[in-house]
Amino acid sequence: MGNGARAAQKRERNAAKGGKGEAKSQLKSNAAALSIKCKTCFQSFQSTTNRKMLKEHATNKHTKNFEDCFESTDGVEK
């Protein structure tokens, strides 16, 4: 039995098992994680974004305080 026959047998076995199935994408879960939204420009941030990054967004983009752009409970404390 040559390598070509082995490869064909392996393909047949994998096809019988179900093969690769459908591709798994993380895009839907990433979109669902965008739960923090800036009140000024409505830019979305992931729920795991820390408070420092949100504060930088408020000061650099809008020259406002954190409280003016986000809720007090937004941002993971780090």
PDB file of N, CA and C in Angstrom:
ATOM      1  N   MET A   1       0.849  -1.177   0.000  1.00  0.00           N
ATOM      2  CA  MET A   1       0.000   0.000   0.000  1.00  0.00           C
ATOM      3  C   MET A   1       0.896   1.242   0.000  1.00  0.00           C
ATOM      4  N   GLY A   2       0.693   2.109  -0.973  1.00  0.00           N
ATOM      5  CA  GLY A   2       1.501   3.313  -1.078  1.00  0.00           C
ATOM      6  C   GLY A   2       0.932   4.449  -0.262  1.00  0.00           C
ATOM      7  N   ASN A   3       1.649   5.558  -0.230  1.00  0.00           N
ATOM      8  CA  ASN A   3       1.208   6.725   0.531  1.00  0.00           C
ATOM      9  C   ASN A   3      -0.085   7.318  -0.014  1.00  0.00           C
ATOM     10  N   GLY A   4      -0.295   7.200  -1.324  1.00  0.00           N
ATOM     11  CA  GLY A   4      -1.510   7.725  -1.932  1.00  0.00           C
ATOM     12  C   GLY A   4      -2.743   7.000  -1.430  1.00  0.00           C
ATOM     13  N   ALA A   5      -2.636   5.685  -1.249  1.00  0.00           N
ATOM     14  CA  ALA A   5      -3.765   4.901  -0.743  1.00  0.00           C
ATOM     15  C   ALA A   5      -4.040   5.237   0.720  1.00  0.00           C
ATOM     16  N   ARG A   6      -2.985   5.438   1.485  1.00  0.00           N
ATOM     17  CA  ARG A   6      -3.155   5.801   2.902  1.00  0.00           C
ATOM     18  C   ARG A   6      -3.852   7.148   3.037  1.00  0.00           C
ATOM     19  N   ALA A   7      -3.452   8.091   2.215  1.00  0.00           N
ATOM     20  CA  ALA A   7      -4.069   9.426   2.260  1.00  0.00           C
ATOM     21  C   ALA A   7      -5.543   9.340   1.883  1.00  0.00           C
ATOM     22  N   ALA A   8      -5.856   8.515   0.890  1.00  0.00           N
ATOM     23  CA  ALA A   8      -7.254   8.358   0.486  1.00  0.00           C
ATOM     24  C   ALA A   8      -8.064   7.719   1.607  1.00  0.00           C
ATOM     25  N   GLN A   9      -7.508   6.729   2.280  1.00  0.00           N
ATOM     26  CA  GLN A   9      -8.210   6.083   3.391  1.00  0.00           C
ATOM     27  C   GLN A   9      -8.435   7.067   4.538  1.00  0.00           C
ATOM     28  N   LYS A  10      -7.439   7.870   4.807  1.00  0.00           N
ATOM     29  CA  LYS A  10      -7.570   8.853   5.889  1.00  0.00           C
ATOM     30  C   LYS A  10      -8.643   9.881   5.565  1.00  0.00           C
ATOM     31  N   ARG A  11      -8.706  10.316   4.309  1.00  0.00           N
ATOM     32  CA  ARG A  11      -9.757  11.249   3.898  1.00  0.00           C
ATOM     33  C   ARG A  11     -11.135  10.632   4.069  1.00  0.00           C
ATOM     34  N   GLU A  12     -11.262   9.361   3.712  1.00  0.00           N
ATOM     35  CA  GLU A  12     -12.544   8.669   3.860  1.00  0.00           C
ATOM     36  C   GLU A  12     -12.953   8.562   5.328  1.00  0.00           C
ATOM     37  N   ARG A  13     -12.004   8.211   6.191  1.00  0.00           N
ATOM     38  CA  ARG A  13     -12.306   8.115   7.633  1.00  0.00           C
ATOM     39  C   ARG A  13     -12.713   9.467   8.204  1.00  0.00           C
ATOM     40  N   ASN A  14     -12.012  10.517   7.838  1.00  0.00           N
ATOM     41  CA  ASN A  14     -12.334  11.855   8.335  1.00  0.00           C
ATOM     42  C   ASN A  14     -13.687  12.326   7.823  1.00  0.00           C
ATOM     43  N   ALA A  15     -14.021  11.980   6.595  1.00  0.00           N
ATOM     44  CA  ALA A  15     -15.324  12.347   6.043  1.00  0.00           C
ATOM     45  C   ALA A  15     -16.432  11.616   6.783  1.00  0.00           C
ATOM     46  N   ALA A  16     -16.178  10.379   7.179  1.00  0.00           N
ATOM     47  CA  ALA A  16     -17.174   9.610   7.917  1.00  0.00           C
ATOM     48  C   ALA A  16     -17.378  10.176   9.326  1.00  0.00           C
ATOM     49  N   LYS A  17     -16.332  10.728   9.901  1.00  0.00           N
ATOM     50  CA  LYS A  17     -16.433  11.313  11.251  1.00  0.00           C
ATOM     51  C   LYS A  17     -17.193  12.631  11.248  1.00  0.00           C
ATOM     52  N   GLY A  18     -17.293  13.257  10.140  1.00  0.00           N
ATOM     53  CA  GLY A  18     -17.993  14.537  10.075  1.00  0.00           C
ATOM     54  C   GLY A  18     -17.131  15.632   9.498  1.00  0.00           C
ATOM     55  N   GLY A  19     -15.891  15.355   9.293  1.00  0.00           N
ATOM     56  CA  GLY A  19     -15.008  16.333   8.670  1.00  0.00           C
ATOM     57  C   GLY A  19     -14.791  17.559   9.539  1.00  0.00           C
ATOM     58  N   LYS A  20     -14.561  18.652   8.888  1.00  0.00           N
ATOM     59  CA  LYS A  20     -14.294  19.897   9.594  1.00  0.00           C
ATOM     60  C   LYS A  20     -15.560  20.543  10.125  1.00  0.00           C
ATOM     61  N   GLY A  21     -16.686  20.276   9.497  1.00  0.00           N
ATOM     62  CA  GLY A  21     -17.912  20.922   9.951  1.00  0.00           C
ATOM     63  C   GLY A  21     -17.940  22.372   9.535  1.00  0.00           C
ATOM     64  N   GLU A  22     -18.657  23.164  10.280  1.00  0.00           N
ATOM     65  CA  GLU A  22     -18.760  24.575   9.940  1.00  0.00           C
ATOM     66  C   GLU A  22     -17.639  25.365  10.602  1.00  0.00           C
ATOM     67  N   ALA A  23     -17.224  26.406   9.958  1.00  0.00           N
ATOM     68  CA  ALA A  23     -16.171  27.257  10.490  1.00  0.00           C
ATOM     69  C   ALA A  23     -16.703  28.016  11.698  1.00  0.00           C
ATOM     70  N   LYS A  24     -15.858  28.172  12.696  1.00  0.00           N
ATOM     71  CA  LYS A  24     -16.270  28.869  13.909  1.00  0.00           C
ATOM     72  C   LYS A  24     -15.662  30.263  13.901  1.00  0.00           C
ATOM     73  N   SER A  25     -16.512  31.244  14.025  1.00  0.00           N
ATOM     74  CA  SER A  25     -16.081  32.625  14.005  1.00  0.00           C
ATOM     75  C   SER A  25     -16.400  33.267  15.346  1.00  0.00           C
ATOM     76  N   GLN A  26     -15.549  34.172  15.762  1.00  0.00           N
ATOM     77  CA  GLN A  26     -15.742  34.843  17.031  1.00  0.00           C
ATOM     78  C   GLN A  26     -16.373  36.221  16.841  1.00  0.00           C
ATOM     79  N   LEU A  27     -16.740  36.563  15.632  1.00  0.00           N
ATOM     80  CA  LEU A  27     -17.271  37.895  15.348  1.00  0.00           C
ATOM     81  C   LEU A  27     -18.570  38.169  16.095  1.00  0.00           C
ATOM     82  N   LYS A  28     -19.462  37.178  16.157  1.00  0.00           N
ATOM     83  CA  LYS A  28     -20.738  37.392  16.836  1.00  0.00           C
ATOM     84  C   LYS A  28     -20.544  37.592  18.330  1.00  0.00           C
ATOM     85  N   SER A  29     -19.658  36.820  18.938  1.00  0.00           N
ATOM     86  CA  SER A  29     -19.435  36.977  20.372  1.00  0.00           C
ATOM     87  C   SER A  29     -18.721  38.287  20.681  1.00  0.00           C
ATOM     88  N   ASN A  30     -17.843  38.736  19.774  1.00  0.00           N
ATOM     89  CA  ASN A  30     -17.184  40.031  19.974  1.00  0.00           C
ATOM     90  C   ASN A  30     -18.192  41.172  19.875  1.00  0.00           C
ATOM     91  N   ALA A  31     -19.107  41.078  18.936  1.00  0.00           N
ATOM     92  CA  ALA A  31     -20.129  42.117  18.786  1.00  0.00           C
ATOM     93  C   ALA A  31     -21.043  42.153  20.007  1.00  0.00           C
ATOM     94  N   ALA A  32     -21.332  40.998  20.586  1.00  0.00           N
ATOM     95  CA  ALA A  32     -22.181  40.956  21.775  1.00  0.00           C
ATOM     96  C   ALA A  32     -21.468  41.530  22.996  1.00  0.00           C
ATOM     97  N   ALA A  33     -20.138  41.491  23.002  1.00  0.00           N
ATOM     98  CA  ALA A  33     -19.371  41.983  24.145  1.00  0.00           C
ATOM     99  C   ALA A  33     -19.224  43.503  24.140  1.00  0.00           C
ATOM    100  N   LEU A  34     -19.636  44.174  23.078  1.00  0.00           N
ATOM    101  CA  LEU A  34     -19.533  45.629  23.006  1.00  0.00           C
ATOM    102  C   LEU A  34     -20.678  46.252  23.801  1.00  0.00           C
ATOM    103  N   SER A  35     -20.523  46.277  25.110  1.00  0.00           N
ATOM    104  CA  SER A  35     -21.618  46.713  25.968  1.00  0.00           C
ATOM    105  C   SER A  35     -21.441  48.114  26.539  1.00  0.00           C
ATOM    106  N   ILE A  36     -20.261  48.693  26.408  1.00  0.00           N
ATOM    107  CA  ILE A  36     -20.013  50.045  26.917  1.00  0.00           C
ATOM    108  C   ILE A  36     -20.077  51.012  25.743  1.00  0.00           C
ATOM    109  N   LYS A  37     -20.824  52.097  25.909  1.00  0.00           N
ATOM    110  CA  LYS A  37     -20.997  53.052  24.812  1.00  0.00           C
ATOM    111  C   LYS A  37     -20.748  54.471  25.316  1.00  0.00           C
ATOM    112  N   CYS A  38     -19.968  55.222  24.553  1.00  0.00           N
ATOM    113  CA  CYS A  38     -19.702  56.618  24.876  1.00  0.00           C
ATOM    114  C   CYS A  38     -20.981  57.426  24.645  1.00  0.00           C
ATOM    115  N   LYS A  39     -21.326  58.279  25.612  1.00  0.00           N
ATOM    116  CA  LYS A  39     -22.542  59.090  25.494  1.00  0.00           C
ATOM    117  C   LYS A  39     -22.400  60.190  24.446  1.00  0.00           C
ATOM    118  N   THR A  40     -21.175  60.608  24.168  1.00  0.00           N
ATOM    119  CA  THR A  40     -20.944  61.720  23.252  1.00  0.00           C
ATOM    120  C   THR A  40     -20.905  61.268  21.791  1.00  0.00           C
ATOM    121  N   CYS A  41     -20.062  60.282  21.484  1.00  0.00           N
ATOM    122  CA  CYS A  41     -19.890  59.879  20.086  1.00  0.00           C
ATOM    123  C   CYS A  41     -20.487  58.502  19.794  1.00  0.00           C
ATOM    124  N   PHE A  42     -21.023  57.836  20.795  1.00  0.00           N
ATOM    125  CA  PHE A  42     -21.664  56.524  20.667  1.00  0.00           C
ATOM    126  C   PHE A  42     -20.717  55.433  20.177  1.00  0.00           C
ATOM    127  N   GLN A  43     -19.419  55.601  20.408  1.00  0.00           N
ATOM    128  CA  GLN A  43     -18.464  54.557  20.082  1.00  0.00           C
ATOM    129  C   GLN A  43     -18.621  53.439  21.099  1.00  0.00           C
ATOM    130  N   SER A  44     -18.576  52.193  20.641  1.00  0.00           N
ATOM    131  CA  SER A  44     -18.757  51.043  21.516  1.00  0.00           C
ATOM    132  C   SER A  44     -17.411  50.500  21.967  1.00  0.00           C
ATOM    133  N   PHE A  45     -17.391  49.997  23.189  1.00  0.00           N
ATOM    134  CA  PHE A  45     -16.199  49.382  23.768  1.00  0.00           C
ATOM    135  C   PHE A  45     -16.588  48.040  24.353  1.00  0.00           C
ATOM    136  N   GLN A  46     -15.635  47.111  24.382  1.00  0.00           N
ATOM    137  CA  GLN A  46     -15.907  45.801  24.971  1.00  0.00           C
ATOM    138  C   GLN A  46     -16.069  45.933  26.472  1.00  0.00           C
ATOM    139  N   SER A  47     -16.817  45.006  27.036  1.00  0.00           N
ATOM    140  CA  SER A  47     -17.108  45.055  28.468  1.00  0.00           C
ATOM    141  C   SER A  47     -15.862  44.842  29.311  1.00  0.00           C
ATOM    142  N   THR A  48     -14.792  44.334  28.732  1.00  0.00           N
ATOM    143  CA  THR A  48     -13.557  44.095  29.479  1.00  0.00           C
ATOM    144  C   THR A  48     -12.597  45.280  29.429  1.00  0.00           C
ATOM    145  N   THR A  49     -12.997  46.375  28.803  1.00  0.00           N
ATOM    146  CA  THR A  49     -12.147  47.561  28.711  1.00  0.00           C
ATOM    147  C   THR A  49     -11.979  48.168  30.094  1.00  0.00           C
ATOM    148  N   ASN A  50     -10.740  48.503  30.428  1.00  0.00           N
ATOM    149  CA  ASN A  50     -10.511  49.060  31.764  1.00  0.00           C
ATOM    150  C   ASN A  50     -10.830  50.556  31.792  1.00  0.00           C
ATOM    151  N   ARG A  51     -11.002  51.049  32.993  1.00  0.00           N
ATOM    152  CA  ARG A  51     -11.415  52.438  33.203  1.00  0.00           C
ATOM    153  C   ARG A  51     -10.386  53.430  32.671  1.00  0.00           C
ATOM    154  N   LYS A  52      -9.114  53.055  32.724  1.00  0.00           N
ATOM    155  CA  LYS A  52      -8.053  53.945  32.249  1.00  0.00           C
ATOM    156  C   LYS A  52      -8.211  54.232  30.753  1.00  0.00           C
ATOM    157  N   MET A  53      -8.521  53.209  29.973  1.00  0.00           N
ATOM    158  CA  MET A  53      -8.703  53.387  28.530  1.00  0.00           C
ATOM    159  C   MET A  53      -9.925  54.255  28.235  1.00  0.00           C
ATOM    160  N   LEU A  54     -10.997  54.065  28.997  1.00  0.00           N
ATOM    161  CA  LEU A  54     -12.197  54.873  28.795  1.00  0.00           C
ATOM    162  C   LEU A  54     -11.946  56.323  29.170  1.00  0.00           C
ATOM    163  N   LYS A  55     -11.178  56.523  30.233  1.00  0.00           N
ATOM    164  CA  LYS A  55     -10.847  57.891  30.667  1.00  0.00           C
ATOM    165  C   LYS A  55      -9.986  58.583  29.605  1.00  0.00           C
ATOM    166  N   GLU A  56      -9.046  57.834  29.004  1.00  0.00           N
ATOM    167  CA  GLU A  56      -8.203  58.398  27.947  1.00  0.00           C
ATOM    168  C   GLU A  56      -9.055  58.782  26.732  1.00  0.00           C
ATOM    169  N   HIS A  57     -10.043  57.954  26.406  1.00  0.00           N
ATOM    170  CA  HIS A  57     -10.940  58.274  25.293  1.00  0.00           C
ATOM    171  C   HIS A  57     -11.677  59.577  25.568  1.00  0.00           C
ATOM    172  N   ALA A  58     -12.194  59.730  26.782  1.00  0.00           N
ATOM    173  CA  ALA A  58     -12.972  60.922  27.128  1.00  0.00           C
ATOM    174  C   ALA A  58     -12.105  62.185  27.075  1.00  0.00           C
ATOM    175  N   THR A  59     -10.900  62.096  27.601  1.00  0.00           N
ATOM    176  CA  THR A  59     -10.055  63.287  27.649  1.00  0.00           C
ATOM    177  C   THR A  59      -9.420  63.609  26.301  1.00  0.00           C
ATOM    178  N   ASN A  60      -8.962  62.602  25.570  1.00  0.00           N
ATOM    179  CA  ASN A  60      -8.261  62.848  24.306  1.00  0.00           C
ATOM    180  C   ASN A  60      -9.209  63.173  23.156  1.00  0.00           C
ATOM    181  N   LYS A  61     -10.326  62.505  23.089  1.00  0.00           N
ATOM    182  CA  LYS A  61     -11.212  62.694  21.946  1.00  0.00           C
ATOM    183  C   LYS A  61     -12.218  63.813  22.178  1.00  0.00           C
ATOM    184  N   HIS A  62     -12.691  63.970  23.420  1.00  0.00           N
ATOM    185  CA  HIS A  62     -13.757  64.932  23.683  1.00  0.00           C
ATOM    186  C   HIS A  62     -13.374  66.047  24.646  1.00  0.00           C
ATOM    187  N   THR A  63     -12.202  65.982  25.231  1.00  0.00           N
ATOM    188  CA  THR A  63     -11.762  66.916  26.278  1.00  0.00           C
ATOM    189  C   THR A  63     -12.831  67.066  27.355  1.00  0.00           C
ATOM    190  N   LYS A  64     -13.354  65.927  27.811  1.00  0.00           N
ATOM    191  CA  LYS A  64     -14.355  65.880  28.867  1.00  0.00           C
ATOM    192  C   LYS A  64     -13.880  64.941  29.964  1.00  0.00           C
ATOM    193  N   ASN A  65     -14.604  64.933  31.065  1.00  0.00           N
ATOM    194  CA  ASN A  65     -14.310  64.007  32.152  1.00  0.00           C
ATOM    195  C   ASN A  65     -14.910  62.645  31.849  1.00  0.00           C
ATOM    196  N   PHE A  66     -14.467  61.656  32.613  1.00  0.00           N
ATOM    197  CA  PHE A  66     -14.979  60.295  32.458  1.00  0.00           C
ATOM    198  C   PHE A  66     -16.492  60.252  32.660  1.00  0.00           C
ATOM    199  N   GLU A  67     -16.979  60.947  33.670  1.00  0.00           N
ATOM    200  CA  GLU A  67     -18.404  60.920  34.015  1.00  0.00           C
ATOM    201  C   GLU A  67     -19.277  61.554  32.933  1.00  0.00           C
ATOM    202  N   ASP A  68     -18.707  62.460  32.136  1.00  0.00           N
ATOM    203  CA  ASP A  68     -19.474  63.104  31.065  1.00  0.00           C
ATOM    204  C   ASP A  68     -19.715  62.152  29.894  1.00  0.00           C
ATOM    205  N   CYS A  69     -18.843  61.171  29.715  1.00  0.00           N
ATOM    206  CA  CYS A  69     -18.943  60.269  28.564  1.00  0.00           C
ATOM    207  C   CYS A  69     -19.450  58.873  28.911  1.00  0.00           C
ATOM    208  N   PHE A  70     -19.244  58.424  30.147  1.00  0.00           N
ATOM    209  CA  PHE A  70     -19.579  57.051  30.501  1.00  0.00           C
ATOM    210  C   PHE A  70     -20.327  57.003  31.825  1.00  0.00           C
ATOM    211  N   GLU A  71     -20.980  55.860  32.074  1.00  0.00           N
ATOM    212  CA  GLU A  71     -21.634  55.636  33.360  1.00  0.00           C
ATOM    213  C   GLU A  71     -20.565  55.391  34.423  1.00  0.00           C
ATOM    214  N   SER A  72     -20.912  55.624  35.670  1.00  0.00           N
ATOM    215  CA  SER A  72     -19.931  55.436  36.745  1.00  0.00           C
ATOM    216  C   SER A  72     -19.564  53.971  36.937  1.00  0.00           C
ATOM    217  N   THR A  73     -20.420  53.056  36.491  1.00  0.00           N
ATOM    218  CA  THR A  73     -20.135  51.623  36.659  1.00  0.00           C
ATOM    219  C   THR A  73     -19.389  51.036  35.468  1.00  0.00           C
ATOM    220  N   ASP A  74     -19.153  51.812  34.418  1.00  0.00           N
ATOM    221  CA  ASP A  74     -18.467  51.294  33.231  1.00  0.00           C
ATOM    222  C   ASP A  74     -16.971  51.146  33.483  1.00  0.00           C
ATOM    223  N   GLY A  75     -16.384  50.164  32.834  1.00  0.00           N
ATOM    224  CA  GLY A  75     -14.951  49.948  32.930  1.00  0.00           C
ATOM    225  C   GLY A  75     -14.577  49.018  34.040  1.00  0.00           C
ATOM    226  N   VAL A  76     -13.669  48.111  33.755  1.00  0.00           N
ATOM    227  CA  VAL A  76     -13.178  47.168  34.742  1.00  0.00           C
ATOM    228  C   VAL A  76     -12.093  47.857  35.543  1.00  0.00           C
ATOM    229  N   GLU A  77     -12.201  47.794  36.836  1.00  0.00           N
ATOM    230  CA  GLU A  77     -11.198  48.429  37.696  1.00  0.00           C
ATOM    231  C   GLU A  77      -9.877  47.680  37.585  1.00  0.00           C
ATOM    232  N   LYS A  78      -8.815  48.397  37.177  1.00  0.00           N
ATOM    233  CA  LYS A  78      -7.468  47.803  37.107  1.00  0.00           C
ATOM    234  C   LYS A  78      -6.474  48.804  37.605  1.00  0.00           C
TER     235      LYS A  78
END
